[in-house]
């Protein structure tokens, strides 16, 4: 994608805006498209594994407080 400066006498191409091209994914169709797919899959994998780890920790069955206190007393007695 190219931008042009239009004046009354002529049309001149502006320098390429590489940060914008990279952000929009227009810099290389052969590289950018597969790279977007790989990045999307990696981010979805990180999201799903993070949610799984959080859910396993948050939803596990907790032992009653009395059992935890007796275990701590036994460990501290030795």
Foldseek 3Di string as FASTA:
>chain_A
DWDWDDDPPDIGTDDDDVVVCLVVQNPDPVPSVVVVVVVVVVVVVVVVVVVVVVCCVVVDDDDDPVVVVVVVVVVVVD
